Amino acid sequence: MRKYPFVIALAVAGSSAGCWTEGVSQLYSCDDPCYGLEEYECDDPCVACEGGCLPPPPLGFGDPILLWTGDAADEAPVPACPAEAPDTVFEGYAGFGAEHACPACRCTEPSCELPRGLSGSASAACDGTAPTSFDAPAGWSGACAAPAAVSSGELGSLLVHAPTVSGCAPAIDAAGAQPELPAPWRLRARGCAGAAGKHTCRDPSTMCVAAPTPLPAGAAMCARYLRPGDAPECPEHYPELRELYQDYDDTRSCTPCGCEPIEGSACTALVSTYEDEGCGQLLGAETVTLAGPKCVAGPELRFASMDALWIKDEPGTCAPTGGVAVGEATPRRPVFFCCQSAEVIDVP
């Protein structure tokens, strides 16, 4: 209370009380205990601290706030600020990881594919213009097929196409890491504050700070360091240093999955042509490989059906590429807090 020598302040309303100090009398009313005084001049003797009575931080620090920190791996959301300190005054992160995992890449298995069919030509050397195509059924397994019936005299040769190898397709290993990158930080933080009469503690060496009693799990009373630069040396009453960040740059990614060229392929098929539609009267048979087609020469071929079987079915393999972690997460805008090590605050 402010002291005025030889002055009596009369109560203006409600109940009144008073004190006598070294010949000075100060009377006050609990309805208006600071009548005529500035806020910083008056310690209200009628109001109890609604929060915690804490030692004020030294110069260079802000007023204490309620700071919650929690594991970011927990799927639960960041808790809302409590009713006693409802204002969110800080959001931050900590525990940035230097590495990230990428999904494992794989390649689908290649396969030997039977020739797509035959081409007929009037020439006896399979080199005629405007050849006639006799396509095999889609997904042909080699069973007897009759794409068309051509009578004698219409064909001078038949070109049996070469087998092929289906390409390897890149894919993600379902048993590996998920494609989505996790959050780059391990900890989340939230600072909460509220209105409280600073001068409502019985001990004049402490200040009143808005906070619930007891503190929520994971929360502590902390003072933010306001000066730029390196981390501070924390004061006696707030000994625990916490380094948090308000933002970050995230350039993390994974190289796309791909497949190397197929190696070790050996596909050999025996393709037979027939004069009847039931693959009973053999016209000719040719062994074809990946090296290229074969020609069945006439003259005057009578073609009606065909079948095929594998002599060597070794499609080979292809190696996967990609799935390499690149980039990093870089924290920005560091903020330092000095906190009370115990999660308990003094009561007024």
Protein backbone atom coordinates (compact mmCIF):
# COMPACT_ATOMS: atom_id res chain seq x y z
CA MET A 1 0.00 0.00 0.00
CA ARG A 2 1.12 3.53 -0.70
CA LYS A 3 1.76 5.55 2.47
CA TYR A 4 0.84 9.24 2.81
CA PRO A 5 2.19 11.04 5.93
CA PHE A 6 -0.54 12.53 8.07
CA VAL A 7 -3.25 11.64 5.50
CA ILE A 8 -6.38 9.60 6.18
CA ALA A 9 -8.09 7.87 3.20
CA LEU A 10 -11.73 7.36 4.10
CA ALA A 11 -13.65 4.23 3.09
CA VAL A 12 -16.02 4.99 0.23
CA ALA A 13 -18.22 1.90 0.19
CA GLY A 14 -18.73 -1.52 1.77
CA SER A 15 -16.74 -2.77 4.72
CA SER A 16 -13.51 -1.06 5.58
CA ALA A 17 -10.31 -1.86 7.34
CA GLY A 18 -7.09 -0.06 8.04
CA CYS A 19 -3.51 -0.19 9.20
CA TRP A 20 -1.17 2.02 11.16
CA THR A 21 2.50 2.18 10.18
CA GLU A 22 4.94 4.65 11.79
CA GLY A 23 2.31 7.24 12.47
CA VAL A 24 0.64 6.83 9.07
CA SER A 25 -2.91 5.57 8.78
CA GLN A 26 -4.27 4.07 5.54
CA LEU A 27 -7.93 3.12 5.43
CA TYR A 28 -9.34 1.14 2.46
CA SER A 29 -12.50 -0.44 1.21
CA CYS A 30 -12.54 -3.92 -0.37
CA ASP A 31 -14.99 -2.54 -2.95
CA ASP A 32 -12.39 -0.02 -4.12
CA PRO A 33 -9.08 -0.62 -2.33
CA CYS A 34 -7.03 1.28 -4.92
CA TYR A 35 -9.04 4.46 -5.04
CA GLY A 36 -6.92 7.29 -6.40
CA LEU A 37 -3.87 5.08 -7.07
CA GLU A 38 -2.32 3.71 -10.25
CA GLU A 39 -2.45 -0.07 -10.67
CA TYR A 40 1.29 -0.49 -10.18
CA GLU A 41 1.08 1.50 -6.92
CA CYS A 42 -1.50 -0.68 -5.25
CA ASP A 43 -1.28 -4.15 -3.71
CA ASP A 44 -4.88 -5.23 -3.27
CA PRO A 45 -5.17 -6.67 0.25
CA CYS A 46 -8.67 -8.02 -0.41
CA VAL A 47 -7.96 -10.38 -3.38
CA ALA A 48 -6.28 -13.76 -3.17
CA CYS A 49 -4.03 -15.02 -5.96
CA GLU A 50 -5.97 -17.17 -8.42
CA GLY A 51 -3.06 -19.23 -9.66
CA GLY A 52 0.45 -19.67 -8.33
CA CYS A 53 2.74 -17.36 -6.43
CA LEU A 54 6.11 -17.58 -8.18
CA PRO A 55 9.40 -15.72 -7.91
CA PRO A 56 9.59 -13.13 -10.69
CA PRO A 57 12.17 -14.01 -13.39
CA PRO A 58 15.20 -11.74 -13.77
CA LEU A 59 15.59 -9.09 -16.46
CA GLY A 60 15.63 -10.49 -19.97
CA PHE A 61 12.78 -12.93 -19.30
CA GLY A 62 9.05 -12.61 -19.81
CA ASP A 63 6.46 -13.32 -17.15
CA PRO A 64 6.01 -17.02 -16.34
CA ILE A 65 3.51 -18.99 -18.40
CA LEU A 66 2.15 -22.52 -18.35
CA LEU A 67 4.20 -24.54 -20.89
CA TRP A 68 3.05 -28.00 -21.98
CA THR A 69 5.33 -30.39 -23.87
CA GLY A 70 4.37 -33.85 -25.10
CA ASP A 71 5.43 -36.70 -27.35
CA ALA A 72 4.52 -36.04 -30.98
CA ALA A 73 4.22 -39.78 -31.62
CA ASP A 74 1.11 -39.80 -29.46
CA GLU A 75 -1.93 -39.57 -31.73
CA ALA A 76 -3.82 -37.54 -29.14
CA PRO A 77 -4.16 -33.83 -30.07
CA VAL A 78 -2.27 -31.12 -28.24
CA PRO A 79 -4.33 -30.33 -25.13
CA ALA A 80 -6.26 -27.07 -25.08
CA CYS A 81 -5.22 -24.35 -22.70
CA PRO A 82 -6.98 -24.69 -19.30
CA ALA A 83 -9.71 -22.34 -18.19
CA GLU A 84 -7.37 -20.68 -15.65
CA ALA A 85 -4.90 -19.77 -18.46
CA PRO A 86 -7.01 -19.85 -21.64
CA ASP A 87 -4.82 -17.80 -24.01
CA THR A 88 -2.46 -19.68 -26.35
CA VAL A 89 0.72 -17.61 -26.46
CA PHE A 90 3.17 -20.11 -27.93
CA GLU A 91 3.20 -23.08 -30.31
CA GLY A 92 6.44 -24.92 -30.94
CA TYR A 93 8.38 -28.06 -31.70
CA ALA A 94 11.47 -29.88 -30.49
CA GLY A 95 13.43 -33.06 -31.04
CA PHE A 96 14.05 -32.79 -34.78
CA GLY A 97 15.39 -36.00 -36.32
CA ALA A 98 18.29 -35.98 -38.76
CA GLU A 99 17.12 -39.04 -40.70
CA HIS A 100 13.92 -40.32 -42.24
CA ALA A 101 12.90 -43.68 -43.64
CA CYS A 102 11.68 -44.32 -47.18
CA PRO A 103 9.55 -47.16 -48.50
CA ALA A 104 11.43 -50.14 -49.89
CA CYS A 105 11.17 -50.42 -53.67
CA ARG A 106 10.64 -53.68 -55.52
CA CYS A 107 9.90 -54.78 -59.08
CA THR A 108 7.20 -57.06 -60.35
CA GLU A 109 8.45 -60.29 -61.89
CA PRO A 110 8.87 -60.31 -65.68
CA SER A 111 7.37 -63.12 -67.75
CA CYS A 112 7.97 -64.76 -71.13
CA GLU A 113 5.12 -63.95 -73.52
CA LEU A 114 4.21 -66.16 -76.50
CA PRO A 115 4.32 -64.63 -80.00
CA ARG A 116 1.43 -62.31 -80.71
CA GLY A 117 0.57 -64.29 -83.87
CA LEU A 118 1.60 -64.81 -87.49
CA SER A 119 1.89 -62.67 -90.59
CA GLY A 120 1.07 -64.12 -93.97
CA SER A 121 2.60 -62.97 -97.24
CA ALA A 122 2.19 -63.87 -100.91
CA SER A 123 5.98 -63.93 -101.15
CA ALA A 124 7.77 -67.19 -100.48
CA ALA A 125 10.39 -65.38 -98.38
CA CYS A 126 8.18 -63.53 -95.87
CA ASP A 127 9.17 -60.23 -97.41
CA GLY A 128 6.04 -59.25 -99.25
CA THR A 129 4.24 -55.96 -98.89
CA ALA A 130 0.88 -55.56 -97.09
CA PRO A 131 1.11 -58.77 -95.04
CA THR A 132 -1.99 -60.35 -93.57
CA SER A 133 -2.03 -60.61 -89.78
CA PHE A 134 -3.27 -63.71 -87.98
CA ASP A 135 -3.39 -62.57 -84.37
CA ALA A 136 -3.37 -64.97 -81.46
CA PRO A 137 -6.09 -64.56 -78.81
CA ALA A 138 -5.41 -62.07 -76.03
CA GLY A 139 -3.35 -63.70 -73.28
CA TRP A 140 -2.65 -66.70 -75.50
CA SER A 141 -1.51 -69.74 -73.49
CA GLY A 142 -0.44 -71.74 -76.57
CA ALA A 143 -3.62 -73.78 -76.91
CA CYS A 144 -4.94 -74.51 -80.40
CA ALA A 145 -6.32 -71.34 -81.99
CA ALA A 146 -7.87 -70.79 -85.41
CA PRO A 147 -7.50 -67.10 -86.28
CA ALA A 148 -8.50 -67.59 -89.94
CA ALA A 149 -8.72 -70.13 -92.72
CA VAL A 150 -6.58 -69.50 -95.80
CA SER A 151 -6.89 -71.82 -98.77
CA SER A 152 -4.02 -73.06 -100.89
CA GLY A 153 -2.61 -70.52 -103.28
CA GLU A 154 -3.27 -67.45 -101.14
CA LEU A 155 -0.06 -67.65 -99.05
CA GLY A 156 3.51 -68.07 -100.09
CA SER A 157 4.97 -67.84 -96.55
CA LEU A 158 4.12 -67.35 -92.87
CA LEU A 159 6.22 -65.26 -90.47
CA VAL A 160 6.17 -66.58 -86.90
CA HIS A 161 6.80 -63.64 -84.57
CA ALA A 162 9.33 -63.85 -81.76
CA PRO A 163 8.33 -64.21 -78.10
CA THR A 164 8.72 -61.20 -75.83
CA VAL A 165 9.41 -60.48 -72.17
CA SER A 166 6.97 -58.37 -70.17
CA GLY A 167 8.68 -55.47 -68.47
CA CYS A 168 9.24 -55.14 -64.75
CA ALA A 169 6.97 -52.59 -63.08
CA PRO A 170 8.16 -50.62 -60.04
CA ALA A 171 6.17 -51.08 -56.84
CA ILE A 172 6.43 -50.38 -53.12
CA ASP A 173 7.13 -53.22 -50.73
CA ALA A 174 4.01 -53.48 -48.59
CA ALA A 175 6.09 -54.82 -45.70
CA GLY A 176 8.41 -51.81 -45.70
CA ALA A 177 8.03 -48.24 -44.50
CA GLN A 178 4.91 -46.31 -45.41
CA PRO A 179 5.15 -43.73 -48.22
CA GLU A 180 3.98 -40.86 -45.99
CA LEU A 181 6.78 -39.05 -44.19
CA PRO A 182 6.19 -38.74 -40.44
CA ALA A 183 6.42 -35.44 -38.62
CA PRO A 184 10.08 -34.36 -38.41
CA TRP A 185 9.86 -33.51 -34.70
CA ARG A 186 9.38 -35.71 -31.66
CA LEU A 187 7.90 -33.13 -29.28
CA ARG A 188 5.08 -30.57 -29.48
CA ALA A 189 4.78 -27.59 -27.15
CA ARG A 190 2.05 -25.12 -26.25
CA GLY A 191 2.28 -22.09 -23.98
CA CYS A 192 -0.79 -20.82 -22.12
CA ALA A 193 -1.40 -17.62 -20.17
CA GLY A 194 -4.26 -15.81 -18.50
CA ALA A 195 -5.15 -12.73 -16.52
CA ALA A 196 -4.02 -12.64 -12.89
CA GLY A 197 -3.42 -9.88 -10.39
CA LYS A 198 0.36 -9.88 -10.08
CA HIS A 199 0.31 -8.27 -6.63
CA THR A 200 -2.16 -10.59 -4.90
CA CYS A 201 0.34 -12.91 -3.19
CA ARG A 202 0.84 -12.68 0.56
CA ASP A 203 4.61 -12.84 0.02
CA PRO A 204 5.60 -9.51 -1.60
CA SER A 205 8.70 -11.15 -3.14
CA THR A 206 6.51 -13.31 -5.42
CA MET A 207 4.09 -12.58 -8.24
CA CYS A 208 0.75 -14.19 -9.02
CA VAL A 209 0.63 -16.20 -12.28
CA ALA A 210 -2.56 -17.62 -13.79
CA ALA A 211 -2.38 -21.43 -13.66
CA PRO A 212 -4.47 -24.40 -12.53
CA THR A 213 -3.55 -26.21 -9.32
CA PRO A 214 -2.20 -28.81 -9.60
CA LEU A 215 -0.52 -28.40 -13.00
CA PRO A 216 -1.69 -30.66 -15.84
CA ALA A 217 0.48 -33.61 -16.77
CA GLY A 218 3.37 -32.57 -18.98
CA ALA A 219 3.12 -28.89 -17.97
CA ALA A 220 5.53 -26.66 -16.09
CA MET A 221 5.79 -22.99 -15.22
CA CYS A 222 8.36 -21.40 -17.54
CA ALA A 223 9.77 -17.98 -18.37
CA ARG A 224 10.61 -17.16 -21.98
CA TYR A 225 14.04 -15.70 -22.71
CA LEU A 226 13.48 -12.46 -24.62
CA ARG A 227 16.96 -11.54 -25.78
CA PRO A 228 18.26 -12.77 -29.16
CA GLY A 229 21.31 -14.95 -29.42
CA ASP A 230 22.55 -18.03 -27.64
CA ALA A 231 20.80 -19.92 -24.88
CA PRO A 232 20.68 -18.17 -21.51
CA GLU A 233 21.94 -19.34 -18.16
CA CYS A 234 18.74 -20.20 -16.35
CA PRO A 235 18.07 -18.51 -12.99
CA GLU A 236 17.84 -20.32 -9.68
CA HIS A 237 14.06 -20.55 -9.51
CA TYR A 238 13.71 -21.62 -13.18
CA PRO A 239 16.70 -23.94 -13.61
CA GLU A 240 15.55 -26.19 -16.48
CA LEU A 241 16.48 -24.97 -19.97
CA ARG A 242 14.18 -25.96 -22.85
CA GLU A 243 15.05 -25.18 -26.46
CA LEU A 244 12.00 -25.07 -28.74
CA TYR A 245 11.37 -23.92 -32.30
CA GLN A 246 8.46 -22.04 -33.82
CA ASP A 247 8.89 -23.22 -37.41
CA TYR A 248 10.91 -25.52 -39.68
CA ASP A 249 11.87 -26.08 -43.31
CA ASP A 250 11.13 -29.56 -44.60
CA THR A 251 12.90 -30.67 -47.80
CA ARG A 252 12.66 -34.39 -47.06
CA SER A 253 11.63 -36.71 -49.87
CA CYS A 254 12.33 -40.14 -51.33
CA THR A 255 13.66 -40.87 -54.78
CA PRO A 256 11.00 -42.55 -56.95
CA CYS A 257 10.99 -46.30 -57.42
CA GLY A 258 12.20 -47.71 -60.74
CA CYS A 259 13.59 -50.89 -62.29
CA GLU A 260 16.85 -51.71 -64.02
CA PRO A 261 16.71 -53.40 -67.46
CA ILE A 262 15.85 -57.08 -67.40
CA GLU A 263 18.82 -59.41 -67.29
CA GLY A 264 19.16 -63.17 -67.90
CA SER A 265 16.09 -63.65 -70.09
CA ALA A 266 15.84 -66.88 -72.13
CA CYS A 267 12.43 -67.41 -73.78
CA THR A 268 12.14 -70.13 -76.48
CA ALA A 269 8.82 -71.30 -77.94
CA LEU A 270 7.88 -73.94 -80.49
CA VAL A 271 5.07 -72.59 -82.70
CA SER A 272 3.27 -75.05 -84.98
CA THR A 273 0.89 -74.26 -87.86
CA TYR A 274 -1.81 -76.54 -89.21
CA GLU A 275 -3.89 -76.90 -92.33
CA ASP A 276 -7.07 -77.75 -90.40
CA GLU A 277 -8.85 -75.78 -87.72
CA GLY A 278 -8.29 -78.44 -85.04
CA CYS A 279 -4.47 -78.44 -85.05
CA GLY A 280 -4.40 -81.99 -86.47
CA GLN A 281 -2.74 -81.65 -89.93
CA LEU A 282 0.72 -80.18 -89.35
CA LEU A 283 1.83 -77.53 -91.82
CA GLY A 284 5.10 -76.57 -90.18
CA ALA A 285 6.82 -75.87 -86.87
CA GLU A 286 9.42 -73.26 -85.96
CA THR A 287 11.41 -72.65 -82.80
CA VAL A 288 11.50 -68.92 -82.08
CA THR A 289 13.56 -67.05 -79.50
CA LEU A 290 14.00 -63.49 -78.34
CA ALA A 291 16.50 -63.09 -81.16
CA GLY A 292 13.74 -62.64 -83.78
CA PRO A 293 10.97 -64.20 -85.92
CA LYS A 294 11.15 -67.26 -88.16
CA CYS A 295 9.74 -67.77 -91.66
CA VAL A 296 7.62 -70.79 -92.74
CA ALA A 297 8.00 -70.91 -96.55
CA GLY A 298 5.45 -72.14 -99.10
CA PRO A 299 4.58 -72.48 -101.81
CA GLU A 300 0.78 -72.51 -101.69
CA LEU A 301 0.38 -72.81 -97.95
CA ARG A 302 -2.97 -73.85 -96.52
CA PHE A 303 -3.20 -72.29 -93.05
CA ALA A 304 -6.10 -72.72 -90.60
CA SER A 305 -4.84 -73.04 -86.99
CA MET A 306 -1.81 -72.87 -84.72
CA ASP A 307 -0.57 -73.81 -81.26
CA ALA A 308 2.60 -73.23 -79.19
CA LEU A 309 4.51 -74.53 -76.21
CA TRP A 310 7.44 -73.30 -74.20
CA ILE A 311 10.81 -74.95 -74.62
CA LYS A 312 12.54 -72.51 -72.28
CA ASP A 313 10.61 -70.17 -70.00
CA GLU A 314 13.21 -68.09 -68.13
CA PRO A 315 12.17 -64.42 -68.12
CA GLY A 316 15.14 -63.21 -66.03
CA THR A 317 15.14 -60.58 -63.30
CA CYS A 318 15.38 -56.81 -62.89
CA ALA A 319 16.80 -54.93 -59.91
CA PRO A 320 14.78 -52.18 -58.18
CA THR A 321 16.06 -48.63 -57.88
CA GLY A 322 14.98 -45.63 -55.82
CA GLY A 323 13.58 -45.38 -52.32
CA VAL A 324 16.56 -43.32 -51.15
CA ALA A 325 16.03 -40.68 -48.48
CA VAL A 326 17.06 -37.17 -49.53
CA GLY A 327 16.69 -33.75 -47.94
CA GLU A 328 16.26 -32.84 -44.29
CA ALA A 329 14.10 -31.00 -41.79
CA THR A 330 15.74 -27.83 -40.49
CA PRO A 331 14.25 -26.09 -37.42
CA ARG A 332 13.84 -22.31 -37.50
CA ARG A 333 13.15 -19.50 -35.04
CA PRO A 334 14.53 -20.94 -31.80
CA VAL A 335 12.95 -19.93 -28.50
CA PHE A 336 14.46 -20.62 -25.08
CA PHE A 337 12.45 -21.20 -21.92
CA CYS A 338 13.70 -21.59 -18.39
CA CYS A 339 11.32 -23.75 -16.37
CA GLN A 340 10.71 -24.91 -12.83
CA SER A 341 11.92 -28.46 -12.62
CA ALA A 342 9.05 -29.60 -10.35
CA GLU A 343 5.55 -29.76 -11.78
CA VAL A 344 4.14 -28.15 -8.65
CA ILE A 345 3.63 -24.44 -8.01
CA ASP A 346 3.31 -22.62 -4.76
CA VAL A 347 -0.14 -21.79 -3.48
CA PRO A 348 -0.94 -18.24 -2.37
